[in-house]
Amino acid sequence: MPTPQTYIIIAIAVLIVIGAIIFFKRKDKKKEPIGRLAGFAFGFILAGIIFGNGDWFGYSLIGIGVVLAVVDIVVKLWKK
């Protein structure tokens, strides 16, 4: 049975691959870069994956990241 570190390495590798695909496939270079709030959300989710050992601390970091991402989406929808 794989260890939790294996899952963490796989998750980080998948995120890097997705980021690279999005970066290289983007045709319209005039799109705005990732916002500050979305960056914090991404950071909290990564911190929860890296530092969470299946306890409440890791899950709370992931939860904070998800809440920040939802707030960022709502704010961007209200600006339109």
PDB file of N, CA and C in Angstrom:
ATOM      1  N   MET A   1       0.847  -1.178   0.000  1.00  0.00           N
ATOM      2  CA  MET A   1       0.000   0.000   0.000  1.00  0.00           C
ATOM      3  C   MET A   1       0.895   1.244   0.000  1.00  0.00           C
ATOM      4  N   PRO A   2       0.627   2.185  -0.888  1.00  0.00           N
ATOM      5  CA  PRO A   2       1.472   3.372  -0.970  1.00  0.00           C
ATOM      6  C   PRO A   2       1.385   4.225   0.292  1.00  0.00           C
ATOM      7  N   THR A   3       2.463   4.901   0.563  1.00  0.00           N
ATOM      8  CA  THR A   3       2.507   5.779   1.729  1.00  0.00           C
ATOM      9  C   THR A   3       1.876   7.126   1.391  1.00  0.00           C
ATOM     10  N   PRO A   4       1.503   7.923   2.395  1.00  0.00           N
ATOM     11  CA  PRO A   4       0.924   9.249   2.135  1.00  0.00           C
ATOM     12  C   PRO A   4       1.877  10.170   1.358  1.00  0.00           C
ATOM     13  N   GLN A   5       3.170   9.996   1.542  1.00  0.00           N
ATOM     14  CA  GLN A   5       4.120  10.817   0.802  1.00  0.00           C
ATOM     15  C   GLN A   5       4.023  10.558  -0.693  1.00  0.00           C
ATOM     16  N   THR A   6       3.710   9.342  -1.068  1.00  0.00           N
ATOM     17  CA  THR A   6       3.543   9.016  -2.482  1.00  0.00           C
ATOM     18  C   THR A   6       2.363   9.776  -3.067  1.00  0.00           C
ATOM     19  N   TYR A   7       1.261   9.840  -2.306  1.00  0.00           N
ATOM     20  CA  TYR A   7       0.099  10.590  -2.765  1.00  0.00           C
ATOM     21  C   TYR A   7       0.412  12.081  -2.887  1.00  0.00           C
ATOM     22  N   ILE A   8       1.186  12.599  -1.970  1.00  0.00           N
ATOM     23  CA  ILE A   8       1.560  14.013  -2.019  1.00  0.00           C
ATOM     24  C   ILE A   8       2.405  14.295  -3.251  1.00  0.00           C
ATOM     25  N   ILE A   9       3.356  13.445  -3.523  1.00  0.00           N
ATOM     26  CA  ILE A   9       4.223  13.631  -4.693  1.00  0.00           C
ATOM     27  C   ILE A   9       3.403  13.537  -5.981  1.00  0.00           C
ATOM     28  N   ILE A  10       2.477  12.590  -6.032  1.00  0.00           N
ATOM     29  CA  ILE A  10       1.623  12.453  -7.214  1.00  0.00           C
ATOM     30  C   ILE A  10       0.751  13.689  -7.384  1.00  0.00           C
ATOM     31  N   ALA A  11       0.180  14.204  -6.297  1.00  0.00           N
ATOM     32  CA  ALA A  11      -0.683  15.386  -6.370  1.00  0.00           C
ATOM     33  C   ALA A  11       0.102  16.606  -6.839  1.00  0.00           C
ATOM     34  N   ILE A  12       1.308  16.794  -6.339  1.00  0.00           N
ATOM     35  CA  ILE A  12       2.129  17.933  -6.749  1.00  0.00           C
ATOM     36  C   ILE A  12       2.530  17.795  -8.211  1.00  0.00           C
ATOM     37  N   ALA A  13       2.868  16.582  -8.642  1.00  0.00           N
ATOM     38  CA  ALA A  13       3.236  16.371 -10.042  1.00  0.00           C
ATOM     39  C   ALA A  13       2.059  16.657 -10.969  1.00  0.00           C
ATOM     40  N   VAL A  14       0.863  16.238 -10.574  1.00  0.00           N
ATOM     41  CA  VAL A  14      -0.326  16.505 -11.390  1.00  0.00           C
ATOM     42  C   VAL A  14      -0.591  18.004 -11.473  1.00  0.00           C
ATOM     43  N   LEU A  15      -0.457  18.712 -10.357  1.00  0.00           N
ATOM     44  CA  LEU A  15      -0.651  20.161 -10.371  1.00  0.00           C
ATOM     45  C   LEU A  15       0.363  20.862 -11.266  1.00  0.00           C
ATOM     46  N   ILE A  16       1.603  20.413 -11.249  1.00  0.00           N
ATOM     47  CA  ILE A  16       2.630  21.011 -12.108  1.00  0.00           C
ATOM     48  C   ILE A  16       2.311  20.759 -13.575  1.00  0.00           C
ATOM     49  N   VAL A  17       1.877  19.551 -13.898  1.00  0.00           N
ATOM     50  CA  VAL A  17       1.535  19.228 -15.284  1.00  0.00           C
ATOM     51  C   VAL A  17       0.343  20.058 -15.754  1.00  0.00           C
ATOM     52  N   ILE A  18      -0.683  20.178 -14.921  1.00  0.00           N
ATOM     53  CA  ILE A  18      -1.846  20.993 -15.287  1.00  0.00           C
ATOM     54  C   ILE A  18      -1.456  22.451 -15.477  1.00  0.00           C
ATOM     55  N   GLY A  19      -0.631  22.969 -14.584  1.00  0.00           N
ATOM     56  CA  GLY A  19      -0.166  24.347 -14.725  1.00  0.00           C
ATOM     57  C   GLY A  19       0.633  24.565 -15.999  1.00  0.00           C
ATOM     58  N   ALA A  20       1.483  23.605 -16.338  1.00  0.00           N
ATOM     59  CA  ALA A  20       2.275  23.727 -17.567  1.00  0.00           C
ATOM     60  C   ALA A  20       1.383  23.676 -18.804  1.00  0.00           C
ATOM     61  N   ILE A  21       0.395  22.798 -18.797  1.00  0.00           N
ATOM     62  CA  ILE A  21      -0.524  22.707 -19.941  1.00  0.00           C
ATOM     63  C   ILE A  21      -1.287  24.006 -20.116  1.00  0.00           C
ATOM     64  N   ILE A  22      -1.787  24.552 -19.024  1.00  0.00           N
ATOM     65  CA  ILE A  22      -2.534  25.811 -19.106  1.00  0.00           C
ATOM     66  C   ILE A  22      -1.621  26.942 -19.568  1.00  0.00           C
ATOM     67  N   PHE A  23      -0.401  26.962 -19.071  1.00  0.00           N
ATOM     68  CA  PHE A  23       0.533  28.029 -19.435  1.00  0.00           C
ATOM     69  C   PHE A  23       0.886  27.990 -20.915  1.00  0.00           C
ATOM     70  N   PHE A  24       1.145  26.812 -21.448  1.00  0.00           N
ATOM     71  CA  PHE A  24       1.574  26.716 -22.837  1.00  0.00           C
ATOM     72  C   PHE A  24       0.421  26.697 -23.835  1.00  0.00           C
ATOM     73  N   LYS A  25      -0.756  26.285 -23.413  1.00  0.00           N
ATOM     74  CA  LYS A  25      -1.897  26.227 -24.319  1.00  0.00           C
ATOM     75  C   LYS A  25      -2.656  27.552 -24.405  1.00  0.00           C
ATOM     76  N   ARG A  26      -2.381  28.476 -23.531  1.00  0.00           N
ATOM     77  CA  ARG A  26      -3.118  29.734 -23.510  1.00  0.00           C
ATOM     78  C   ARG A  26      -2.793  30.537 -24.758  1.00  0.00           C
ATOM     79  N   LYS A  27      -3.807  30.819 -25.561  1.00  0.00           N
ATOM     80  CA  LYS A  27      -3.593  31.522 -26.823  1.00  0.00           C
ATOM     81  C   LYS A  27      -3.722  33.029 -26.657  1.00  0.00           C
ATOM     82  N   ASP A  28      -4.635  33.466 -25.816  1.00  0.00           N
ATOM     83  CA  ASP A  28      -4.852  34.894 -25.617  1.00  0.00           C
ATOM     84  C   ASP A  28      -3.937  35.374 -24.491  1.00  0.00           C
ATOM     85  N   LYS A  29      -2.898  36.077 -24.832  1.00  0.00           N
ATOM     86  CA  LYS A  29      -1.926  36.540 -23.844  1.00  0.00           C
ATOM     87  C   LYS A  29      -2.410  37.768 -23.078  1.00  0.00           C
ATOM     88  N   LYS A  30      -3.575  38.312 -23.448  1.00  0.00           N
ATOM     89  CA  LYS A  30      -4.077  39.501 -22.785  1.00  0.00           C
ATOM     90  C   LYS A  30      -4.924  39.182 -21.559  1.00  0.00           C
ATOM     91  N   LYS A  31      -5.089  37.927 -21.234  1.00  0.00           N
ATOM     92  CA  LYS A  31      -5.852  37.560 -20.050  1.00  0.00           C
ATOM     93  C   LYS A  31      -5.110  38.024 -18.809  1.00  0.00           C
ATOM     94  N   GLU A  32      -5.881  38.406 -17.824  1.00  0.00           N
ATOM     95  CA  GLU A  32      -5.266  38.893 -16.602  1.00  0.00           C
ATOM     96  C   GLU A  32      -4.634  37.736 -15.832  1.00  0.00           C
ATOM     97  N   PRO A  33      -3.560  38.010 -15.134  1.00  0.00           N
ATOM     98  CA  PRO A  33      -2.904  36.939 -14.373  1.00  0.00           C
ATOM     99  C   PRO A  33      -3.760  36.535 -13.170  1.00  0.00           C
ATOM    100  N   ILE A  34      -3.340  35.504 -12.506  1.00  0.00           N
ATOM    101  CA  ILE A  34      -4.079  35.017 -11.344  1.00  0.00           C
ATOM    102  C   ILE A  34      -4.121  36.107 -10.284  1.00  0.00           C
ATOM    103  N   GLY A  35      -5.266  36.258  -9.669  1.00  0.00           N
ATOM    104  CA  GLY A  35      -5.458  37.299  -8.668  1.00  0.00           C
ATOM    105  C   GLY A  35      -4.783  36.962  -7.350  1.00  0.00           C
ATOM    106  N   ARG A  36      -4.715  37.953  -6.505  1.00  0.00           N
ATOM    107  CA  ARG A  36      -4.064  37.779  -5.215  1.00  0.00           C
ATOM    108  C   ARG A  36      -4.841  36.784  -4.345  1.00  0.00           C
ATOM    109  N   LEU A  37      -6.166  36.902  -4.356  1.00  0.00           N
ATOM    110  CA  LEU A  37      -6.984  36.022  -3.537  1.00  0.00           C
ATOM    111  C   LEU A  37      -6.906  34.574  -4.024  1.00  0.00           C
ATOM    112  N   ALA A  38      -6.897  34.382  -5.342  1.00  0.00           N
ATOM    113  CA  ALA A  38      -6.767  33.035  -5.895  1.00  0.00           C
ATOM    114  C   ALA A  38      -5.382  32.457  -5.591  1.00  0.00           C
ATOM    115  N   GLY A  39      -4.370  33.298  -5.588  1.00  0.00           N
ATOM    116  CA  GLY A  39      -3.024  32.849  -5.239  1.00  0.00           C
ATOM    117  C   GLY A  39      -2.942  32.376  -3.794  1.00  0.00           C
ATOM    118  N   PHE A  40      -3.590  33.127  -2.896  1.00  0.00           N
ATOM    119  CA  PHE A  40      -3.634  32.696  -1.500  1.00  0.00           C
ATOM    120  C   PHE A  40      -4.392  31.381  -1.351  1.00  0.00           C
ATOM    121  N   ALA A  41      -5.490  31.251  -2.096  1.00  0.00           N
ATOM    122  CA  ALA A  41      -6.271  30.012  -2.046  1.00  0.00           C
ATOM    123  C   ALA A  41      -5.421  28.828  -2.496  1.00  0.00           C
ATOM    124  N   PHE A  42      -4.715  29.000  -3.600  1.00  0.00           N
ATOM    125  CA  PHE A  42      -3.847  27.939  -4.115  1.00  0.00           C
ATOM    126  C   PHE A  42      -2.758  27.601  -3.101  1.00  0.00           C
ATOM    127  N   GLY A  43      -2.191  28.620  -2.477  1.00  0.00           N
ATOM    128  CA  GLY A  43      -1.149  28.397  -1.472  1.00  0.00           C
ATOM    129  C   GLY A  43      -1.661  27.640  -0.258  1.00  0.00           C
ATOM    130  N   PHE A  44      -2.858  28.001   0.217  1.00  0.00           N
ATOM    131  CA  PHE A  44      -3.426  27.295   1.364  1.00  0.00           C
ATOM    132  C   PHE A  44      -3.721  25.835   1.029  1.00  0.00           C
ATOM    133  N   ILE A  45      -4.216  25.589  -0.167  1.00  0.00           N
ATOM    134  CA  ILE A  45      -4.514  24.208  -0.549  1.00  0.00           C
ATOM    135  C   ILE A  45      -3.226  23.393  -0.654  1.00  0.00           C
ATOM    136  N   LEU A  46      -2.195  23.965  -1.260  1.00  0.00           N
ATOM    137  CA  LEU A  46      -0.907  23.253  -1.329  1.00  0.00           C
ATOM    138  C   LEU A  46      -0.330  23.026   0.053  1.00  0.00           C
ATOM    139  N   ALA A  47      -0.423  24.027   0.936  1.00  0.00           N
ATOM    140  CA  ALA A  47       0.084  23.861   2.297  1.00  0.00           C
ATOM    141  C   ALA A  47      -0.684  22.768   3.028  1.00  0.00           C
ATOM    142  N   GLY A  48      -1.986  22.703   2.802  1.00  0.00           N
ATOM    143  CA  GLY A  48      -2.775  21.645   3.423  1.00  0.00           C
ATOM    144  C   GLY A  48      -2.384  20.276   2.929  1.00  0.00           C
ATOM    145  N   ILE A  49      -2.056  20.173   1.650  1.00  0.00           N
ATOM    146  CA  ILE A  49      -1.629  18.883   1.101  1.00  0.00           C
ATOM    147  C   ILE A  49      -0.245  18.504   1.633  1.00  0.00           C
ATOM    148  N   ILE A  50       0.645  19.471   1.673  1.00  0.00           N
ATOM    149  CA  ILE A  50       2.024  19.183   2.083  1.00  0.00           C
ATOM    150  C   ILE A  50       2.146  18.968   3.589  1.00  0.00           C
ATOM    151  N   PHE A  51       1.554  19.861   4.383  1.00  0.00           N
ATOM    152  CA  PHE A  51       1.751  19.809   5.830  1.00  0.00           C
ATOM    153  C   PHE A  51       0.674  19.027   6.570  1.00  0.00           C
ATOM    154  N   GLY A  52      -0.385  18.643   5.910  1.00  0.00           N
ATOM    155  CA  GLY A  52      -1.448  17.890   6.573  1.00  0.00           C
ATOM    156  C   GLY A  52      -1.152  16.416   6.579  1.00  0.00           C
ATOM    157  N   ASN A  53      -1.104  15.861   7.745  1.00  0.00           N
ATOM    158  CA  ASN A  53      -0.848  14.424   7.868  1.00  0.00           C
ATOM    159  C   ASN A  53      -2.136  13.676   8.183  1.00  0.00           C
ATOM    160  N   GLY A  54      -3.228  14.107   7.591  1.00  0.00           N
ATOM    161  CA  GLY A  54      -4.496  13.459   7.854  1.00  0.00           C
ATOM    162  C   GLY A  54      -5.142  13.933   9.137  1.00  0.00           C
ATOM    163  N   ASP A  55      -4.677  15.038   9.673  1.00  0.00           N
ATOM    164  CA  ASP A  55      -5.269  15.562  10.895  1.00  0.00           C
ATOM    165  C   ASP A  55      -6.044  16.852  10.608  1.00  0.00           C
ATOM    166  N   TRP A  56      -6.540  17.467  11.635  1.00  0.00           N
ATOM    167  CA  TRP A  56      -7.407  18.642  11.473  1.00  0.00           C
ATOM    168  C   TRP A  56      -6.664  19.835  10.883  1.00  0.00           C
ATOM    169  N   PHE A  57      -5.361  19.946  11.109  1.00  0.00           N
ATOM    170  CA  PHE A  57      -4.597  21.094  10.608  1.00  0.00           C
ATOM    171  C   PHE A  57      -4.561  21.112   9.085  1.00  0.00           C
ATOM    172  N   GLY A  58      -4.270  19.987   8.478  1.00  0.00           N
ATOM    173  CA  GLY A  58      -4.219  19.912   7.018  1.00  0.00           C
ATOM    174  C   GLY A  58      -5.571  20.158   6.383  1.00  0.00           C
ATOM    175  N   TYR A  59      -6.604  19.565   6.974  1.00  0.00           N
ATOM    176  CA  TYR A  59      -7.947  19.757   6.432  1.00  0.00           C
ATOM    177  C   TYR A  59      -8.422  21.189   6.597  1.00  0.00           C
ATOM    178  N   SER A  60      -8.028  21.839   7.681  1.00  0.00           N
ATOM    179  CA  SER A  60      -8.441  23.232   7.864  1.00  0.00           C
ATOM    180  C   SER A  60      -7.737  24.141   6.855  1.00  0.00           C
ATOM    181  N   LEU A  61      -6.483  23.858   6.535  1.00  0.00           N
ATOM    182  CA  LEU A  61      -5.784  24.652   5.512  1.00  0.00           C
ATOM    183  C   LEU A  61      -6.444  24.474   4.145  1.00  0.00           C
ATOM    184  N   ILE A  62      -6.800  23.259   3.809  1.00  0.00           N
ATOM    185  CA  ILE A  62      -7.487  23.007   2.541  1.00  0.00           C
ATOM    186  C   ILE A  62      -8.845  23.696   2.534  1.00  0.00           C
ATOM    187  N   GLY A  63      -9.557  23.641   3.655  1.00  0.00           N
ATOM    188  CA  GLY A  63     -10.854  24.302   3.758  1.00  0.00           C
ATOM    189  C   GLY A  63     -10.753  25.804   3.588  1.00  0.00           C
ATOM    190  N   ILE A  64      -9.730  26.421   4.193  1.00  0.00           N
ATOM    191  CA  ILE A  64      -9.516  27.857   4.025  1.00  0.00           C
ATOM    192  C   ILE A  64      -9.245  28.181   2.557  1.00  0.00           C
ATOM    193  N   GLY A  65      -8.447  27.346   1.901  1.00  0.00           N
ATOM    194  CA  GLY A  65      -8.151  27.560   0.492  1.00  0.00           C
ATOM    195  C   GLY A  65      -9.394  27.465  -0.380  1.00  0.00           C
ATOM    196  N   VAL A  66     -10.255  26.507  -0.094  1.00  0.00           N
ATOM    197  CA  VAL A  66     -11.484  26.360  -0.872  1.00  0.00           C
ATOM    198  C   VAL A  66     -12.400  27.561  -0.654  1.00  0.00           C
ATOM    199  N   VAL A  67     -12.523  28.015   0.582  1.00  0.00           N
ATOM    200  CA  VAL A  67     -13.364  29.177   0.866  1.00  0.00           C
ATOM    201  C   VAL A  67     -12.828  30.410   0.148  1.00  0.00           C
ATOM    202  N   LEU A  68     -11.520  30.616   0.172  1.00  0.00           N
ATOM    203  CA  LEU A  68     -10.933  31.758  -0.531  1.00  0.00           C
ATOM    204  C   LEU A  68     -11.157  31.667  -2.041  1.00  0.00           C
ATOM    205  N   ALA A  69     -11.072  30.471  -2.585  1.00  0.00           N
ATOM    206  CA  ALA A  69     -11.320  30.301  -4.023  1.00  0.00           C
ATOM    207  C   ALA A  69     -12.762  30.635  -4.372  1.00  0.00           C
ATOM    208  N   VAL A  70     -13.703  30.199  -3.545  1.00  0.00           N
ATOM    209  CA  VAL A  70     -15.112  30.497  -3.796  1.00  0.00           C
ATOM    210  C   VAL A  70     -15.368  31.997  -3.681  1.00  0.00           C
ATOM    211  N   VAL A  71     -14.776  32.641  -2.685  1.00  0.00           N
ATOM    212  CA  VAL A  71     -14.921  34.091  -2.536  1.00  0.00           C
ATOM    213  C   VAL A  71     -14.354  34.812  -3.755  1.00  0.00           C
ATOM    214  N   ASP A  72     -13.213  34.346  -4.269  1.00  0.00           N
ATOM    215  CA  ASP A  72     -12.615  34.954  -5.454  1.00  0.00           C
ATOM    216  C   ASP A  72     -13.541  34.809  -6.673  1.00  0.00           C
ATOM    217  N   ILE A  73     -14.160  33.644  -6.814  1.00  0.00           N
ATOM    218  CA  ILE A  73     -15.084  33.424  -7.931  1.00  0.00           C
ATOM    219  C   ILE A  73     -16.289  34.335  -7.821  1.00  0.00           C
ATOM    220  N   VAL A  74     -16.850  34.461  -6.631  1.00  0.00           N
ATOM    221  CA  VAL A  74     -18.023  35.312  -6.424  1.00  0.00           C
ATOM    222  C   VAL A  74     -17.682  36.768  -6.701  1.00  0.00           C
ATOM    223  N   VAL A  75     -16.521  37.217  -6.224  1.00  0.00           N
ATOM    224  CA  VAL A  75     -16.115  38.614  -6.447  1.00  0.00           C
ATOM    225  C   VAL A  75     -15.948  38.890  -7.935  1.00  0.00           C
ATOM    226  N   LYS A  76     -15.339  37.967  -8.657  1.00  0.00           N
ATOM    227  CA  LYS A  76     -15.148  38.170 -10.098  1.00  0.00           C
ATOM    228  C   LYS A  76     -16.468  38.147 -10.860  1.00  0.00           C
ATOM    229  N   LEU A  77     -17.430  37.351 -10.404  1.00  0.00           N
ATOM    230  CA  LEU A  77     -18.739  37.326 -11.049  1.00  0.00           C
ATOM    231  C   LEU A  77     -19.514  38.611 -10.787  1.00  0.00           C
ATOM    232  N   TRP A  78     -19.363  39.180  -9.592  1.00  0.00           N
ATOM    233  CA  TRP A  78     -20.070  40.415  -9.272  1.00  0.00           C
ATOM    234  C   TRP A  78     -19.508  41.606 -10.040  1.00  0.00           C
ATOM    235  N   LYS A  79     -18.227  41.549 -10.409  1.00  0.00           N
ATOM    236  CA  LYS A  79     -17.611  42.659 -11.155  1.00  0.00           C
ATOM    237  C   LYS A  79     -18.046  42.713 -12.602  1.00  0.00           C
ATOM    238  N   LYS A  80     -18.548  41.595 -13.131  1.00  0.00           N
ATOM    239  CA  LYS A  80     -18.957  41.557 -14.537  1.00  0.00           C
ATOM    240  C   LYS A  80     -20.219  42.284 -14.778  1.00  0.00           C
TER     241      LYS A  80
END
